[in-house]
Amino acid sequence: MTTNMKVLLVAGGAVAGAVAIIYHKVDKIAKMLNKSVADLSRDIHVDVDEAMVGAAVKYAVDSTVDRVVNNAARSAALEVSTDIRRQVRTKVEEAYKTIETDVSKEISVQVARTVDMDDLRRDVISEAKKAVINKFDGKLDDLLNDFNANLQNISKIYSSIAGSISKTNESGKMVFTVGQQ
């Protein structure tokens, strides 16, 4: 049964119920009016215009029907809304489970296809080499700086020794001196 059909059945039932209630109330009012008119007519003579009674009855019927139909429509709309929410939630949960399973399977297949153990081993070794080189690179730089500083000191020492052993004379010839002159 479709949602529109349910709404129509609920609204039809509400209208039928409203008509029955109105009929009962109108009948009750009519009996009361007849009794009151009979009681009043004994003591007082009052003419109530039929149009006035009809207008009062019409107003009572209209207001009661409006109230009952509005209540029935709200109730039907709430029921339909709740039903739709429940159905949507159920379908989303079912779709989520299916999608989750499918995605997990696809990821497993793709990972199994793309992971080659030899490639992975080579990549791990390469990354380990890079890490070791980076770690000791700073140490080697420090050692190189120390070596260059020591080399300069040795060069100064040899230059000083060479300067004290040899001198150039006035003619531009190099003269080696051993001992004192």
Protein backbone atom coordinates (compact mmCIF):
# COMPACT_ATOMS: atom_id res chain seq x y z
CA MET A 1 0.00 0.00 0.00
CA THR A 2 1.51 3.34 -1.02
CA THR A 3 2.03 6.28 1.27
CA ASN A 4 -0.57 8.38 -0.59
CA MET A 5 -3.13 5.61 -0.21
CA LYS A 6 -2.43 5.43 3.54
CA VAL A 7 -2.85 9.20 3.87
CA LEU A 8 -6.16 9.08 1.96
CA LEU A 9 -7.45 6.21 4.11
CA VAL A 10 -6.48 7.97 7.33
CA ALA A 11 -8.01 11.26 6.14
CA GLY A 12 -11.20 9.46 5.00
CA GLY A 13 -11.46 7.70 8.34
CA ALA A 14 -10.92 10.98 10.14
CA VAL A 15 -13.64 12.70 8.10
CA ALA A 16 -16.07 9.83 8.71
CA GLY A 17 -15.33 9.99 12.41
CA ALA A 18 -15.75 13.75 12.41
CA VAL A 19 -19.12 13.46 10.65
CA ALA A 20 -20.29 10.90 13.22
CA ILE A 21 -19.16 13.11 16.10
CA ILE A 22 -20.78 16.17 14.53
CA TYR A 23 -23.99 14.29 13.88
CA HIS A 24 -24.07 13.16 17.52
CA LYS A 25 -23.38 16.69 18.78
CA VAL A 26 -25.91 18.27 16.41
CA ASP A 27 -28.52 15.70 17.47
CA LYS A 28 -27.77 16.42 21.10
CA ILE A 29 -27.99 20.17 20.48
CA ALA A 30 -31.24 19.74 18.57
CA LYS A 31 -32.75 17.73 21.43
CA MET A 32 -31.59 20.33 23.93
CA LEU A 33 -32.99 23.10 21.79
CA ASN A 34 -36.29 21.29 21.38
CA LYS A 35 -36.51 20.71 25.14
CA SER A 36 -35.46 24.27 25.93
CA VAL A 37 -37.86 25.65 23.36
CA ALA A 38 -40.63 23.50 24.76
CA ASP A 39 -39.86 24.69 28.30
CA LEU A 40 -39.61 28.30 27.22
CA SER A 41 -42.65 28.13 25.03
CA ARG A 42 -44.78 27.21 28.01
CA ASP A 43 -43.79 30.39 29.77
CA ILE A 44 -42.63 32.66 26.98
CA HIS A 45 -43.39 32.75 23.39
CA VAL A 46 -40.06 32.93 21.45
CA ASP A 47 -39.61 32.39 17.78
CA VAL A 48 -36.14 31.15 16.78
CA ASP A 49 -35.49 31.69 13.16
CA GLU A 50 -34.65 28.48 11.32
CA ALA A 51 -31.82 30.28 9.49
CA MET A 52 -30.25 31.20 12.82
CA VAL A 53 -30.31 27.59 13.99
CA GLY A 54 -28.94 26.45 10.65
CA ALA A 55 -26.10 28.99 10.85
CA ALA A 56 -25.21 27.85 14.39
CA VAL A 57 -25.26 24.21 13.35
CA LYS A 58 -23.20 24.97 10.23
CA TYR A 59 -20.62 26.87 12.31
CA ALA A 60 -20.36 23.99 14.83
CA VAL A 61 -20.03 21.43 12.04
CA ASP A 62 -17.40 23.48 10.17
CA SER A 63 -15.23 24.10 13.22
CA THR A 64 -15.43 20.48 14.39
CA VAL A 65 -14.66 19.14 10.91
CA ASP A 66 -11.69 21.52 10.55
CA ARG A 67 -10.26 20.47 13.91
CA VAL A 68 -10.72 16.74 13.26
CA VAL A 69 -9.31 16.92 9.72
CA ASN A 70 -6.28 18.95 10.87
CA ASN A 71 -5.58 16.46 13.67
CA ALA A 72 -5.94 13.53 11.28
CA ALA A 73 -3.68 15.19 8.69
CA ARG A 74 -0.99 15.93 11.31
CA SER A 75 -1.19 12.38 12.61
CA ALA A 76 -0.97 10.91 9.11
CA ALA A 77 1.94 13.19 8.16
CA LEU A 78 3.82 12.25 11.32
CA GLU A 79 3.23 8.55 10.68
CA VAL A 80 4.37 8.84 7.06
CA SER A 81 7.42 10.88 8.06
CA THR A 82 8.41 8.34 10.72
CA ASP A 83 7.93 5.47 8.28
CA ILE A 84 10.03 7.18 5.60
CA ARG A 85 12.82 7.93 8.09
CA ARG A 86 12.85 4.32 9.25
CA GLN A 87 12.96 3.01 5.68
CA VAL A 88 15.73 5.43 4.67
CA ARG A 89 17.79 4.55 7.76
CA THR A 90 17.40 0.83 7.03
CA LYS A 91 18.42 1.25 3.37
CA VAL A 92 21.42 3.42 4.28
CA GLU A 93 22.61 0.87 6.84
CA GLU A 94 22.25 -1.95 4.30
CA ALA A 95 24.09 0.06 1.64
CA TYR A 96 26.85 0.97 4.11
CA LYS A 97 27.47 -2.66 5.02
CA THR A 98 27.61 -3.64 1.35
CA ILE A 99 29.92 -0.76 0.44
CA GLU A 100 32.19 -1.43 3.42
CA THR A 101 32.57 -5.09 2.45
CA ASP A 102 33.16 -4.27 -1.23
CA VAL A 103 35.75 -1.58 -0.43
CA SER A 104 37.61 -3.87 1.98
CA LYS A 105 37.75 -6.62 -0.63
CA GLU A 106 38.94 -4.21 -3.35
CA ILE A 107 41.66 -2.74 -1.12
CA SER A 108 42.89 -6.23 -0.25
CA VAL A 109 43.01 -7.19 -3.93
CA GLN A 110 44.83 -3.98 -4.90
CA VAL A 111 47.38 -4.30 -2.09
CA ALA A 112 48.03 -7.95 -2.98
CA ARG A 113 48.58 -6.97 -6.62
CA THR A 114 50.87 -4.03 -6.00
CA VAL A 115 53.11 -5.26 -3.15
CA ASP A 116 56.16 -7.09 -4.49
CA MET A 117 58.36 -8.42 -1.67
CA ASP A 118 61.63 -7.94 -3.60
CA ASP A 119 60.72 -4.31 -4.38
CA LEU A 120 59.70 -3.78 -0.78
CA ARG A 121 62.96 -5.29 0.48
CA ARG A 122 65.01 -3.08 -1.90
CA ASP A 123 63.08 0.01 -0.79
CA VAL A 124 63.63 -0.80 2.89
CA ILE A 125 67.37 -1.35 2.34
CA SER A 126 67.65 1.88 0.34
CA GLU A 127 65.85 3.87 3.02
CA ALA A 128 68.04 2.31 5.73
CA LYS A 129 71.20 3.28 3.79
CA LYS A 130 69.95 6.84 3.47
CA ALA A 131 69.22 7.00 7.20
CA VAL A 132 72.73 5.72 8.07
CA ILE A 133 74.36 8.13 5.63
CA ASN A 134 72.41 11.06 7.04
CA LYS A 135 73.34 10.09 10.59
CA PHE A 136 77.08 9.83 9.92
CA ASP A 137 77.24 12.66 7.39
CA GLY A 138 77.43 15.22 10.19
CA LYS A 139 80.20 13.22 11.91
CA LEU A 140 82.21 13.03 8.68
CA ASP A 141 81.87 16.78 8.15
CA ASP A 142 83.26 17.38 11.66
CA LEU A 143 86.17 15.00 10.98
CA LEU A 144 86.90 16.73 7.65
CA ASN A 145 86.96 20.14 9.33
CA ASP A 146 89.35 18.83 12.02
CA PHE A 147 91.58 17.24 9.35
CA ASN A 148 91.72 20.48 7.33
CA ALA A 149 92.57 22.50 10.45
CA ASN A 150 95.38 20.04 11.37
CA LEU A 151 96.64 20.11 7.78
CA GLN A 152 96.87 23.92 7.88
CA ASN A 153 98.77 23.75 11.17
CA ILE A 154 101.25 21.24 9.68
CA SER A 155 101.62 23.43 6.60
CA LYS A 156 102.46 26.43 8.81
CA ILE A 157 104.99 24.37 10.72
CA TYR A 158 106.73 23.20 7.52
CA SER A 159 106.66 26.73 6.11
CA SER A 160 108.27 28.04 9.28
CA ILE A 161 110.98 25.33 9.17
CA ALA A 162 111.60 25.98 5.49
CA GLY A 163 111.80 29.70 6.18
CA SER A 164 114.33 29.25 8.93
CA ILE A 165 116.52 26.84 6.90
CA SER A 166 116.48 28.72 3.63
CA LYS A 167 116.78 32.34 2.79
CA THR A 168 117.12 34.21 -0.40
CA ASN A 169 120.24 36.35 -0.82
CA GLU A 170 120.60 39.63 -2.64
CA SER A 171 121.17 38.05 -5.97
CA GLY A 172 117.87 36.09 -5.70
CA LYS A 173 119.57 32.76 -5.06
CA MET A 174 118.35 30.52 -2.35
CA VAL A 175 120.76 29.84 0.40
CA PHE A 176 120.40 27.04 2.93
CA THR A 177 121.84 27.63 6.32
CA VAL A 178 122.51 24.93 8.83
CA GLY A 179 123.62 26.11 12.19
CA GLN A 180 124.57 29.71 12.99
CA GLN A 181 126.16 32.18 10.66
